[in-house]
C-alpha atoms as a PDB file:
ATOM      1  CA  UNK A   1     -23.450 158.934  14.467  1.00  0.00           C
ATOM      2  CA  UNK A   2     -23.368 156.039  17.391  1.00  0.00           C
ATOM      3  CA  UNK A   3     -20.245 154.650  19.136  1.00  0.00           C
ATOM      4  CA  UNK A   4     -19.317 151.851  17.453  1.00  0.00           C
ATOM      5  CA  UNK A   5     -19.759 148.642  19.807  1.00  0.00           C
ATOM      6  CA  UNK A   6     -17.218 145.883  20.157  1.00  0.00           C
ATOM      7  CA  UNK A   7     -19.658 143.552  18.204  1.00  0.00           C
ATOM      8  CA  UNK A   8     -20.098 146.146  15.305  1.00  0.00           C
ATOM      9  CA  UNK A   9     -16.092 145.971  15.130  1.00  0.00           C
ATOM     10  CA  UNK A  10     -16.166 142.180  14.993  1.00  0.00           C
ATOM     11  CA  UNK A  11     -18.723 142.211  12.262  1.00  0.00           C
ATOM     12  CA  UNK A  12     -16.654 144.638  10.235  1.00  0.00           C
ATOM     13  CA  UNK A  13     -13.455 142.376  10.874  1.00  0.00           C
ATOM     14  CA  UNK A  14     -15.619 139.405   9.615  1.00  0.00           C
ATOM     15  CA  UNK A  15     -16.969 141.157   6.564  1.00  0.00           C
ATOM     16  CA  UNK A  16     -13.591 142.798   5.804  1.00  0.00           C
ATOM     17  CA  UNK A  17     -12.105 139.375   5.724  1.00  0.00           C
ATOM     18  CA  UNK A  18     -14.873 137.750   3.939  1.00  0.00           C
ATOM     19  CA  UNK A  19     -14.290 140.445   1.057  1.00  0.00           C
ATOM     20  CA  UNK A  20     -10.436 139.879   0.934  1.00  0.00           C
ATOM     21  CA  UNK A  21     -10.722 136.076   0.969  1.00  0.00           C
ATOM     22  CA  UNK A  22     -13.282 136.481  -2.128  1.00  0.00           C
ATOM     23  CA  UNK A  23     -11.068 139.158  -3.760  1.00  0.00           C
ATOM     24  CA  UNK A  24      -8.153 136.720  -3.616  1.00  0.00           C
ATOM     25  CA  UNK A  25      -9.851 133.876  -5.026  1.00  0.00           C
ATOM     26  CA  UNK A  26     -11.144 135.888  -7.810  1.00  0.00           C
ATOM     27  CA  UNK A  27      -7.719 137.106  -8.091  1.00  0.00           C
ATOM     28  CA  UNK A  28      -5.947 133.363  -8.431  1.00  0.00           C
ATOM     29  CA  UNK A  29      -8.882 132.411 -10.503  1.00  0.00           C
ATOM     30  CA  UNK A  30      -7.972 134.601 -13.198  1.00  0.00           C
ATOM     31  CA  UNK A  31      -4.241 134.297 -12.793  1.00  0.00           C
ATOM     32  CA  UNK A  32      -4.557 130.695 -13.334  1.00  0.00           C
ATOM     33  CA  UNK A  33      -6.657 131.400 -16.270  1.00  0.00           C
ATOM     34  CA  UNK A  34      -4.201 133.779 -18.020  1.00  0.00           C
ATOM     35  CA  UNK A  35      -1.682 130.981 -17.381  1.00  0.00           C
ATOM     36  CA  UNK A  36      -3.584 128.504 -18.682  1.00  0.00           C
ATOM     37  CA  UNK A  37      -4.218 130.507 -21.861  1.00  0.00           C
ATOM     38  CA  UNK A  38      -0.666 131.572 -22.148  1.00  0.00           C
ATOM     39  CA  UNK A  39       0.185 127.861 -22.408  1.00  0.00           C
ATOM     40  CA  UNK A  40      -2.065 126.995 -25.316  1.00  0.00           C
END
């Protein structure tokens, strides 16, 4: 296992942030969708 470089850490942080943003987006979409369905 090679040492993680600063660049690798930066990449990992970027990926983690992207994934988190994606999940947050999906969750809020689902939340809005369920709210819309409740008000029908």
